[in-house]
């Protein structure tokens, strides 16, 4: 009976995480749909502002007001700055290269988390982790294809997004002992909205009603993805179902092919397999990190 229940929970967790991957891919597709007509700064602001509007009432109803106050504002600012920066870079990458490639580059975060954790909080890097990081960087080179005619410099923005996601994850780990999840989520939404509103003073462009619908869907599916992945990791161990978040890349490749006629070359496919393997090596060979959240979803 115990084994049967365990299998059911594992299956349920896997389905939740696959559903989250689909939602995150839809979010990225929504970004690409409006990125050719709206400034990146406007899209990022709508992403944060709508998330705050959707989540704040729920958090305020289910959480006591004083639980949202913090004495660790510095780390919240670091987490918000890293998350917001990764969002800007990720959305910029989506607008310039194939959707699946942009999503894949943002999934380099597991390669950078051990490096950030080593230099920031002194977490040791084992030989297995070191090997995984080097393997992952080899996969990145296959995707970048330096020295070829299809090399796209904007891909470095996608890698930068992955690096900043790593900083955000390590900052969450630093806060996790004293800061409850509801406070971390609420303050990120609040600080992200305030931070992304500043550039609007010189880049504001009013979206049309069809664009408003796409932007609203972008925020809604991103929130749905966060809820699904949180539920999935509550039901089943991250080590068992976390790798299914890479389904985001597969769904993104499907949407890119259906809507924009995008295809992946052999080197990119090989790089994707290598990064996937490297991610498994680095995440299974170290102290468990906080729940991974794709660039975009932060």
C-alpha atoms as a PDB file:
ATOM      1  CA  UNK A   1       0.000   0.000   0.000  1.00  0.00           C
ATOM      2  CA  UNK A   2       2.869   2.353   0.898  1.00  0.00           C
ATOM      3  CA  UNK A   3       4.601   1.733  -2.421  1.00  0.00           C
ATOM      4  CA  UNK A   4       1.335   2.300  -4.292  1.00  0.00           C
ATOM      5  CA  UNK A   5       0.798   5.648  -2.534  1.00  0.00           C
ATOM      6  CA  UNK A   6       4.387   6.637  -3.237  1.00  0.00           C
ATOM      7  CA  UNK A   7       3.960   5.883  -6.953  1.00  0.00           C
ATOM      8  CA  UNK A   8       0.732   7.881  -7.043  1.00  0.00           C
ATOM      9  CA  UNK A   9       2.420  10.874  -5.411  1.00  0.00           C
ATOM     10  CA  UNK A  10       5.353  10.613  -7.785  1.00  0.00           C
ATOM     11  CA  UNK A  11       3.006  10.513 -10.787  1.00  0.00           C
ATOM     12  CA  UNK A  12       0.996  13.450  -9.448  1.00  0.00           C
ATOM     13  CA  UNK A  13       4.175  15.439  -8.826  1.00  0.00           C
ATOM     14  CA  UNK A  14       5.428  14.671 -12.332  1.00  0.00           C
ATOM     15  CA  UNK A  15       2.144  15.819 -13.879  1.00  0.00           C
ATOM     16  CA  UNK A  16       2.210  19.053 -11.863  1.00  0.00           C
ATOM     17  CA  UNK A  17       5.776  19.811 -12.980  1.00  0.00           C
ATOM     18  CA  UNK A  18       5.022  18.991 -16.628  1.00  0.00           C
ATOM     19  CA  UNK A  19       2.012  21.304 -16.398  1.00  0.00           C
ATOM     20  CA  UNK A  20       4.271  24.001 -14.951  1.00  0.00           C
ATOM     21  CA  UNK A  21       6.697  23.522 -17.844  1.00  0.00           C
ATOM     22  CA  UNK A  22       3.834  24.050 -20.291  1.00  0.00           C
ATOM     23  CA  UNK A  23       2.762  27.234 -18.485  1.00  0.00           C
ATOM     24  CA  UNK A  24       6.302  28.635 -18.482  1.00  0.00           C
ATOM     25  CA  UNK A  25       6.664  27.901 -22.195  1.00  0.00           C
ATOM     26  CA  UNK A  26       3.360  29.687 -22.855  1.00  0.00           C
ATOM     27  CA  UNK A  27       4.642  32.663 -20.876  1.00  0.00           C
ATOM     28  CA  UNK A  28       7.774  32.817 -23.022  1.00  0.00           C
ATOM     29  CA  UNK A  29       5.655  32.550 -26.177  1.00  0.00           C
ATOM     30  CA  UNK A  30       3.484  35.463 -24.983  1.00  0.00           C
ATOM     31  CA  UNK A  31       6.623  37.532 -24.466  1.00  0.00           C
ATOM     32  CA  UNK A  32       7.795  36.765 -27.990  1.00  0.00           C
ATOM     33  CA  UNK A  33       4.378  37.665 -29.420  1.00  0.00           C
ATOM     34  CA  UNK A  34       4.497  41.229 -28.067  1.00  0.00           C
ATOM     35  CA  UNK A  35       8.267  41.807 -28.040  1.00  0.00           C
ATOM     36  CA  UNK A  36       8.449  43.093 -31.616  1.00  0.00           C
ATOM     37  CA  UNK A  37       5.978  45.904 -30.916  1.00  0.00           C
ATOM     38  CA  UNK A  38       6.492  46.794 -27.239  1.00  0.00           C
ATOM     39  CA  UNK A  39       9.698  47.828 -25.434  1.00  0.00           C
ATOM     40  CA  UNK A  40      11.258  45.201 -23.208  1.00  0.00           C
ATOM     41  CA  UNK A  41      10.847  47.508 -20.202  1.00  0.00           C
ATOM     42  CA  UNK A  42       7.074  47.681 -20.687  1.00  0.00           C
ATOM     43  CA  UNK A  43       6.750  43.899 -20.915  1.00  0.00           C
ATOM     44  CA  UNK A  44       8.814  43.390 -17.748  1.00  0.00           C
ATOM     45  CA  UNK A  45       6.726  45.961 -15.872  1.00  0.00           C
ATOM     46  CA  UNK A  46       3.465  44.290 -16.887  1.00  0.00           C
ATOM     47  CA  UNK A  47       4.884  40.909 -15.870  1.00  0.00           C
ATOM     48  CA  UNK A  48       5.717  42.186 -12.384  1.00  0.00           C
ATOM     49  CA  UNK A  49       2.774  44.531 -11.918  1.00  0.00           C
ATOM     50  CA  UNK A  50       0.153  41.978 -12.898  1.00  0.00           C
ATOM     51  CA  UNK A  51       1.822  39.321 -10.732  1.00  0.00           C
ATOM     52  CA  UNK A  52       1.643  41.705  -7.778  1.00  0.00           C
ATOM     53  CA  UNK A  53      -1.995  42.518  -8.531  1.00  0.00           C
ATOM     54  CA  UNK A  54      -2.869  38.817  -8.723  1.00  0.00           C
ATOM     55  CA  UNK A  55      -0.893  37.638  -5.715  1.00  0.00           C
ATOM     56  CA  UNK A  56      -1.127  40.501  -3.210  1.00  0.00           C
ATOM     57  CA  UNK A  57      -4.818  40.033  -2.321  1.00  0.00           C
ATOM     58  CA  UNK A  58      -4.292  36.299  -1.776  1.00  0.00           C
ATOM     59  CA  UNK A  59      -1.202  36.817   0.362  1.00  0.00           C
ATOM     60  CA  UNK A  60      -2.811  39.571   2.424  1.00  0.00           C
ATOM     61  CA  UNK A  61      -5.860  37.363   3.101  1.00  0.00           C
ATOM     62  CA  UNK A  62      -3.868  34.278   4.078  1.00  0.00           C
ATOM     63  CA  UNK A  63      -0.882  35.914   5.800  1.00  0.00           C
ATOM     64  CA  UNK A  64      -0.765  38.161   8.846  1.00  0.00           C
ATOM     65  CA  UNK A  65       0.401  41.687   8.058  1.00  0.00           C
ATOM     66  CA  UNK A  66       3.369  41.637  10.436  1.00  0.00           C
ATOM     67  CA  UNK A  67       4.601  38.420   8.777  1.00  0.00           C
ATOM     68  CA  UNK A  68       5.315  40.472   5.640  1.00  0.00           C
ATOM     69  CA  UNK A  69       7.656  42.861   7.470  1.00  0.00           C
ATOM     70  CA  UNK A  70      11.359  42.123   7.233  1.00  0.00           C
ATOM     71  CA  UNK A  71      14.556  43.094   8.995  1.00  0.00           C
ATOM     72  CA  UNK A  72      16.645  41.676   6.144  1.00  0.00           C
ATOM     73  CA  UNK A  73      15.878  44.195   3.426  1.00  0.00           C
ATOM     74  CA  UNK A  74      19.387  44.035   1.941  1.00  0.00           C
ATOM     75  CA  UNK A  75      19.056  40.405   0.872  1.00  0.00           C
ATOM     76  CA  UNK A  76      15.556  41.043  -0.452  1.00  0.00           C
ATOM     77  CA  UNK A  77      16.992  43.863  -2.575  1.00  0.00           C
ATOM     78  CA  UNK A  78      19.711  41.522  -3.887  1.00  0.00           C
ATOM     79  CA  UNK A  79      17.149  38.853  -4.688  1.00  0.00           C
ATOM     80  CA  UNK A  80      14.824  41.365  -6.379  1.00  0.00           C
ATOM     81  CA  UNK A  81      17.656  42.990  -8.332  1.00  0.00           C
ATOM     82  CA  UNK A  82      18.959  39.642  -9.577  1.00  0.00           C
ATOM     83  CA  UNK A  83      15.470  38.397 -10.446  1.00  0.00           C
ATOM     84  CA  UNK A  84      14.546  41.605 -12.232  1.00  0.00           C
ATOM     85  CA  UNK A  85      17.832  41.700 -14.129  1.00  0.00           C
ATOM     86  CA  UNK A  86      17.406  38.098 -15.260  1.00  0.00           C
ATOM     87  CA  UNK A  87      13.898  38.920 -16.463  1.00  0.00           C
ATOM     88  CA  UNK A  88      15.121  41.849 -18.575  1.00  0.00           C
ATOM     89  CA  UNK A  89      17.877  39.717 -20.135  1.00  0.00           C
ATOM     90  CA  UNK A  90      15.631  36.694 -20.662  1.00  0.00           C
ATOM     91  CA  UNK A  91      12.878  38.691 -22.356  1.00  0.00           C
ATOM     92  CA  UNK A  92      15.472  40.451 -24.534  1.00  0.00           C
ATOM     93  CA  UNK A  93      16.900  37.080 -25.595  1.00  0.00           C
ATOM     94  CA  UNK A  94      13.425  35.768 -26.442  1.00  0.00           C
ATOM     95  CA  UNK A  95      12.856  38.715 -28.778  1.00  0.00           C
ATOM     96  CA  UNK A  96      16.053  38.093 -30.778  1.00  0.00           C
ATOM     97  CA  UNK A  97      16.652  34.344 -31.120  1.00  0.00           C
ATOM     98  CA  UNK A  98      14.634  31.136 -31.375  1.00  0.00           C
ATOM     99  CA  UNK A  99      12.249  30.675 -28.465  1.00  0.00           C
ATOM    100  CA  UNK A 100      13.591  27.267 -27.436  1.00  0.00           C
ATOM    101  CA  UNK A 101      17.215  28.480 -27.563  1.00  0.00           C
ATOM    102  CA  UNK A 102      16.390  31.459 -25.322  1.00  0.00           C
ATOM    103  CA  UNK A 103      14.644  29.190 -22.820  1.00  0.00           C
ATOM    104  CA  UNK A 104      17.492  26.683 -22.931  1.00  0.00           C
ATOM    105  CA  UNK A 105      20.124  29.342 -22.214  1.00  0.00           C
ATOM    106  CA  UNK A 106      18.159  30.506 -19.179  1.00  0.00           C
ATOM    107  CA  UNK A 107      18.318  26.919 -17.896  1.00  0.00           C
ATOM    108  CA  UNK A 108      22.067  27.284 -17.395  1.00  0.00           C
ATOM    109  CA  UNK A 109      21.319  28.526 -13.841  1.00  0.00           C
ATOM    110  CA  UNK A 110      22.103  25.109 -12.232  1.00  0.00           C
ATOM    111  CA  UNK A 111      25.634  25.396 -13.656  1.00  0.00           C
ATOM    112  CA  UNK A 112      26.223  28.759 -11.993  1.00  0.00           C
ATOM    113  CA  UNK A 113      24.523  28.082  -8.633  1.00  0.00           C
ATOM    114  CA  UNK A 114      27.479  26.032  -7.244  1.00  0.00           C
ATOM    115  CA  UNK A 115      29.934  28.777  -8.298  1.00  0.00           C
ATOM    116  CA  UNK A 116      27.869  31.576  -6.742  1.00  0.00           C
ATOM    117  CA  UNK A 117      27.290  29.521  -3.590  1.00  0.00           C
ATOM    118  CA  UNK A 118      31.028  28.801  -3.312  1.00  0.00           C
ATOM    119  CA  UNK A 119      32.121  32.436  -3.478  1.00  0.00           C
ATOM    120  CA  UNK A 120      29.174  33.908  -1.563  1.00  0.00           C
ATOM    121  CA  UNK A 121      28.382  31.461   1.239  1.00  0.00           C
ATOM    122  CA  UNK A 122      31.425  29.188   1.116  1.00  0.00           C
ATOM    123  CA  UNK A 123      29.581  26.051   0.017  1.00  0.00           C
ATOM    124  CA  UNK A 124      32.153  23.474  -1.156  1.00  0.00           C
ATOM    125  CA  UNK A 125      32.303  22.332  -4.756  1.00  0.00           C
ATOM    126  CA  UNK A 126      32.796  18.585  -5.060  1.00  0.00           C
ATOM    127  CA  UNK A 127      34.648  16.902  -7.877  1.00  0.00           C
ATOM    128  CA  UNK A 128      31.326  15.708  -9.307  1.00  0.00           C
ATOM    129  CA  UNK A 129      29.904  19.231  -9.328  1.00  0.00           C
ATOM    130  CA  UNK A 130      33.056  20.580 -10.965  1.00  0.00           C
ATOM    131  CA  UNK A 131      32.785  17.956 -13.688  1.00  0.00           C
ATOM    132  CA  UNK A 132      29.116  18.807 -14.222  1.00  0.00           C
ATOM    133  CA  UNK A 133      29.895  22.515 -14.581  1.00  0.00           C
ATOM    134  CA  UNK A 134      32.599  21.880 -17.200  1.00  0.00           C
ATOM    135  CA  UNK A 135      30.298  19.529 -19.116  1.00  0.00           C
ATOM    136  CA  UNK A 136      27.574  22.174 -19.034  1.00  0.00           C
ATOM    137  CA  UNK A 137      29.869  24.861 -20.380  1.00  0.00           C
ATOM    138  CA  UNK A 138      30.760  22.540 -23.269  1.00  0.00           C
ATOM    139  CA  UNK A 139      27.035  22.347 -24.047  1.00  0.00           C
ATOM    140  CA  UNK A 140      26.806  26.149 -23.950  1.00  0.00           C
ATOM    141  CA  UNK A 141      29.591  26.411 -26.528  1.00  0.00           C
ATOM    142  CA  UNK A 142      27.682  24.112 -28.880  1.00  0.00           C
ATOM    143  CA  UNK A 143      24.648  26.389 -28.616  1.00  0.00           C
ATOM    144  CA  UNK A 144      26.654  29.609 -29.033  1.00  0.00           C
ATOM    145  CA  UNK A 145      28.619  28.221 -32.011  1.00  0.00           C
ATOM    146  CA  UNK A 146      31.379  30.868 -31.808  1.00  0.00           C
ATOM    147  CA  UNK A 147      33.248  31.476 -35.031  1.00  0.00           C
ATOM    148  CA  UNK A 148      30.393  30.350 -37.268  1.00  0.00           C
ATOM    149  CA  UNK A 149      28.027  32.392 -39.397  1.00  0.00           C
ATOM    150  CA  UNK A 150      25.079  31.502 -37.148  1.00  0.00           C
ATOM    151  CA  UNK A 151      26.761  32.771 -33.966  1.00  0.00           C
ATOM    152  CA  UNK A 152      24.388  35.247 -32.271  1.00  0.00           C
ATOM    153  CA  UNK A 153      25.969  37.597 -29.669  1.00  0.00           C
ATOM    154  CA  UNK A 154      22.580  38.186 -28.010  1.00  0.00           C
ATOM    155  CA  UNK A 155      22.833  34.626 -26.690  1.00  0.00           C
ATOM    156  CA  UNK A 156      25.183  35.983 -24.014  1.00  0.00           C
ATOM    157  CA  UNK A 157      22.189  37.867 -22.617  1.00  0.00           C
ATOM    158  CA  UNK A 158      20.485  34.491 -22.122  1.00  0.00           C
ATOM    159  CA  UNK A 159      23.540  33.187 -20.279  1.00  0.00           C
ATOM    160  CA  UNK A 160      23.522  36.358 -18.185  1.00  0.00           C
ATOM    161  CA  UNK A 161      19.906  35.607 -17.294  1.00  0.00           C
ATOM    162  CA  UNK A 162      20.959  32.162 -16.089  1.00  0.00           C
ATOM    163  CA  UNK A 163      23.764  33.671 -13.987  1.00  0.00           C
ATOM    164  CA  UNK A 164      21.407  36.150 -12.321  1.00  0.00           C
ATOM    165  CA  UNK A 165      18.873  33.382 -11.615  1.00  0.00           C
ATOM    166  CA  UNK A 166      21.701  31.588  -9.805  1.00  0.00           C
ATOM    167  CA  UNK A 167      22.343  34.693  -7.679  1.00  0.00           C
ATOM    168  CA  UNK A 168      18.625  34.920  -6.897  1.00  0.00           C
ATOM    169  CA  UNK A 169      18.500  31.262  -5.815  1.00  0.00           C
ATOM    170  CA  UNK A 170      21.514  31.591  -3.528  1.00  0.00           C
ATOM    171  CA  UNK A 171      20.058  34.752  -1.988  1.00  0.00           C
ATOM    172  CA  UNK A 172      16.870  32.810  -1.242  1.00  0.00           C
ATOM    173  CA  UNK A 173      18.969  30.152   0.453  1.00  0.00           C
ATOM    174  CA  UNK A 174      20.624  32.860   2.571  1.00  0.00           C
ATOM    175  CA  UNK A 175      17.198  34.132   3.625  1.00  0.00           C
ATOM    176  CA  UNK A 176      15.396  30.827   4.057  1.00  0.00           C
ATOM    177  CA  UNK A 177      16.343  30.394   7.733  1.00  0.00           C
ATOM    178  CA  UNK A 178      14.639  33.636   8.821  1.00  0.00           C
ATOM    179  CA  UNK A 179      12.311  34.617   5.975  1.00  0.00           C
ATOM    180  CA  UNK A 180       9.076  32.659   5.269  1.00  0.00           C
ATOM    181  CA  UNK A 181       8.214  31.906   1.611  1.00  0.00           C
ATOM    182  CA  UNK A 182       5.174  34.236   1.607  1.00  0.00           C
ATOM    183  CA  UNK A 183       7.358  37.186   2.593  1.00  0.00           C
ATOM    184  CA  UNK A 184       9.978  36.371  -0.058  1.00  0.00           C
ATOM    185  CA  UNK A 185       7.315  36.103  -2.778  1.00  0.00           C
ATOM    186  CA  UNK A 186       5.448  39.249  -1.757  1.00  0.00           C
ATOM    187  CA  UNK A 187       8.537  41.449  -1.419  1.00  0.00           C
ATOM    188  CA  UNK A 188       9.902  40.220  -4.739  1.00  0.00           C
ATOM    189  CA  UNK A 189       6.649  41.119  -6.472  1.00  0.00           C
ATOM    190  CA  UNK A 190       6.555  44.509  -4.745  1.00  0.00           C
ATOM    191  CA  UNK A 191      10.214  45.403  -5.310  1.00  0.00           C
ATOM    192  CA  UNK A 192      10.118  44.018  -8.849  1.00  0.00           C
ATOM    193  CA  UNK A 193       7.126  46.195  -9.701  1.00  0.00           C
ATOM    194  CA  UNK A 194       8.707  49.308  -8.187  1.00  0.00           C
ATOM    195  CA  UNK A 195      12.053  48.626  -9.865  1.00  0.00           C
ATOM    196  CA  UNK A 196      10.574  47.924 -13.293  1.00  0.00           C
ATOM    197  CA  UNK A 197       8.405  51.056 -13.152  1.00  0.00           C
ATOM    198  CA  UNK A 198      11.398  53.417 -13.107  1.00  0.00           C
ATOM    199  CA  UNK A 199      12.496  52.894 -16.767  1.00  0.00           C
ATOM    200  CA  UNK A 200       8.933  53.601 -17.951  1.00  0.00           C
ATOM    201  CA  UNK A 201       9.599  57.340 -17.520  1.00  0.00           C
ATOM    202  CA  UNK A 202      11.541  57.308 -20.813  1.00  0.00           C
ATOM    203  CA  UNK A 203      10.409  54.084 -22.505  1.00  0.00           C
ATOM    204  CA  UNK A 204       6.644  53.944 -21.937  1.00  0.00           C
ATOM    205  CA  UNK A 205       4.536  52.804 -24.890  1.00  0.00           C
ATOM    206  CA  UNK A 206       0.815  52.165 -24.302  1.00  0.00           C
ATOM    207  CA  UNK A 207      -0.157  48.616 -25.332  1.00  0.00           C
ATOM    208  CA  UNK A 208      -3.163  48.032 -27.539  1.00  0.00           C
ATOM    209  CA  UNK A 209      -6.090  46.000 -26.225  1.00  0.00           C
ATOM    210  CA  UNK A 210      -4.958  42.809 -28.017  1.00  0.00           C
ATOM    211  CA  UNK A 211      -1.516  43.328 -26.466  1.00  0.00           C
ATOM    212  CA  UNK A 212      -3.085  43.848 -23.043  1.00  0.00           C
ATOM    213  CA  UNK A 213      -4.788  40.470 -23.425  1.00  0.00           C
ATOM    214  CA  UNK A 214      -1.479  38.790 -24.306  1.00  0.00           C
ATOM    215  CA  UNK A 215       0.316  40.532 -21.402  1.00  0.00           C
ATOM    216  CA  UNK A 216      -2.421  39.479 -18.999  1.00  0.00           C
ATOM    217  CA  UNK A 217      -2.186  35.895 -20.231  1.00  0.00           C
ATOM    218  CA  UNK A 218       1.606  36.100 -19.799  1.00  0.00           C
ATOM    219  CA  UNK A 219       1.247  37.012 -16.121  1.00  0.00           C
ATOM    220  CA  UNK A 220      -1.569  34.533 -15.503  1.00  0.00           C
ATOM    221  CA  UNK A 221       0.229  31.502 -16.973  1.00  0.00           C
ATOM    222  CA  UNK A 222       3.448  32.487 -15.180  1.00  0.00           C
ATOM    223  CA  UNK A 223       1.564  32.531 -11.883  1.00  0.00           C
ATOM    224  CA  UNK A 224      -0.105  29.221 -12.771  1.00  0.00           C
ATOM    225  CA  UNK A 225       3.327  27.758 -13.497  1.00  0.00           C
ATOM    226  CA  UNK A 226       4.648  28.900 -10.120  1.00  0.00           C
ATOM    227  CA  UNK A 227       1.679  27.364  -8.323  1.00  0.00           C
ATOM    228  CA  UNK A 228       1.985  24.093 -10.248  1.00  0.00           C
ATOM    229  CA  UNK A 229       5.718  23.702  -9.701  1.00  0.00           C
ATOM    230  CA  UNK A 230       5.345  24.510  -5.997  1.00  0.00           C
ATOM    231  CA  UNK A 231       2.587  21.927  -5.698  1.00  0.00           C
ATOM    232  CA  UNK A 232       4.607  19.384  -7.649  1.00  0.00           C
ATOM    233  CA  UNK A 233       7.646  19.770  -5.386  1.00  0.00           C
ATOM    234  CA  UNK A 234       5.433  19.503  -2.324  1.00  0.00           C
ATOM    235  CA  UNK A 235       3.940  16.232  -3.551  1.00  0.00           C
ATOM    236  CA  UNK A 236       7.096  14.556  -4.867  1.00  0.00           C
ATOM    237  CA  UNK A 237      10.850  14.963  -4.172  1.00  0.00           C
ATOM    238  CA  UNK A 238      12.629  17.591  -6.269  1.00  0.00           C
ATOM    239  CA  UNK A 239      15.331  15.037  -7.061  1.00  0.00           C
ATOM    240  CA  UNK A 240      12.715  12.799  -8.695  1.00  0.00           C
ATOM    241  CA  UNK A 241      10.682  15.300 -10.728  1.00  0.00           C
ATOM    242  CA  UNK A 242      12.805  18.480 -10.931  1.00  0.00           C
ATOM    243  CA  UNK A 243      14.405  17.449 -14.229  1.00  0.00           C
ATOM    244  CA  UNK A 244      10.952  17.514 -15.853  1.00  0.00           C
ATOM    245  CA  UNK A 245      11.183  21.317 -15.814  1.00  0.00           C
ATOM    246  CA  UNK A 246      13.380  20.853 -18.882  1.00  0.00           C
ATOM    247  CA  UNK A 247      10.111  20.027 -20.618  1.00  0.00           C
ATOM    248  CA  UNK A 248       9.867  23.806 -20.869  1.00  0.00           C
ATOM    249  CA  UNK A 249      12.493  23.624 -23.625  1.00  0.00           C
ATOM    250  CA  UNK A 250      10.536  20.959 -25.533  1.00  0.00           C
ATOM    251  CA  UNK A 251       7.260  22.894 -25.286  1.00  0.00           C
ATOM    252  CA  UNK A 252       9.055  26.079 -26.352  1.00  0.00           C
ATOM    253  CA  UNK A 253      10.535  24.302 -29.357  1.00  0.00           C
ATOM    254  CA  UNK A 254       7.032  23.110 -30.305  1.00  0.00           C
ATOM    255  CA  UNK A 255       5.518  26.601 -29.994  1.00  0.00           C
ATOM    256  CA  UNK A 256       8.437  28.120 -31.890  1.00  0.00           C
ATOM    257  CA  UNK A 257       7.954  25.653 -34.728  1.00  0.00           C
ATOM    258  CA  UNK A 258       4.166  26.041 -34.851  1.00  0.00           C
ATOM    259  CA  UNK A 259       3.972  29.833 -34.624  1.00  0.00           C
ATOM    260  CA  UNK A 260       7.266  31.129 -36.021  1.00  0.00           C
ATOM    261  CA  UNK A 261       8.605  28.253 -38.124  1.00  0.00           C
ATOM    262  CA  UNK A 262      11.710  27.947 -35.939  1.00  0.00           C
ATOM    263  CA  UNK A 263      13.901  24.857 -36.136  1.00  0.00           C
ATOM    264  CA  UNK A 264      16.869  23.704 -34.087  1.00  0.00           C
ATOM    265  CA  UNK A 265      20.173  22.752 -35.712  1.00  0.00           C
ATOM    266  CA  UNK A 266      22.147  19.659 -34.758  1.00  0.00           C
ATOM    267  CA  UNK A 267      24.685  21.527 -32.609  1.00  0.00           C
ATOM    268  CA  UNK A 268      21.930  23.162 -30.551  1.00  0.00           C
ATOM    269  CA  UNK A 269      20.211  19.825 -30.002  1.00  0.00           C
ATOM    270  CA  UNK A 270      23.513  18.283 -28.888  1.00  0.00           C
ATOM    271  CA  UNK A 271      24.125  21.244 -26.577  1.00  0.00           C
ATOM    272  CA  UNK A 272      20.650  20.852 -25.101  1.00  0.00           C
ATOM    273  CA  UNK A 273      21.302  17.190 -24.244  1.00  0.00           C
ATOM    274  CA  UNK A 274      24.661  18.065 -22.673  1.00  0.00           C
ATOM    275  CA  UNK A 275      23.234  20.921 -20.572  1.00  0.00           C
ATOM    276  CA  UNK A 276      20.401  18.660 -19.447  1.00  0.00           C
ATOM    277  CA  UNK A 277      22.914  16.022 -18.320  1.00  0.00           C
ATOM    278  CA  UNK A 278      25.098  18.634 -16.638  1.00  0.00           C
ATOM    279  CA  UNK A 279      22.105  20.041 -14.794  1.00  0.00           C
ATOM    280  CA  UNK A 280      21.304  16.591 -13.424  1.00  0.00           C
ATOM    281  CA  UNK A 281      24.917  16.143 -12.298  1.00  0.00           C
ATOM    282  CA  UNK A 282      25.158  19.502 -10.505  1.00  0.00           C
ATOM    283  CA  UNK A 283      21.749  19.347  -8.822  1.00  0.00           C
ATOM    284  CA  UNK A 284      22.134  15.747  -7.618  1.00  0.00           C
ATOM    285  CA  UNK A 285      25.696  16.170  -6.416  1.00  0.00           C
ATOM    286  CA  UNK A 286      25.300  19.046  -3.953  1.00  0.00           C
ATOM    287  CA  UNK A 287      23.250  20.301  -1.041  1.00  0.00           C
ATOM    288  CA  UNK A 288      19.658  20.766  -2.240  1.00  0.00           C
ATOM    289  CA  UNK A 289      18.899  24.283  -3.372  1.00  0.00           C
ATOM    290  CA  UNK A 290      15.622  26.183  -3.129  1.00  0.00           C
ATOM    291  CA  UNK A 291      12.848  25.275  -5.534  1.00  0.00           C
ATOM    292  CA  UNK A 292      14.179  26.171  -9.013  1.00  0.00           C
ATOM    293  CA  UNK A 293      12.256  28.865 -10.795  1.00  0.00           C
ATOM    294  CA  UNK A 294      12.951  29.489 -14.510  1.00  0.00           C
ATOM    295  CA  UNK A 295      14.065  33.311 -15.456  1.00  0.00           C
ATOM    296  CA  UNK A 296      11.253  33.784 -15.587  1.00  0.00           C
ATOM    297  CA  UNK A 297       9.318  32.817 -13.727  1.00  0.00           C
ATOM    298  CA  UNK A 298      10.927  34.824 -10.707  1.00  0.00           C
END
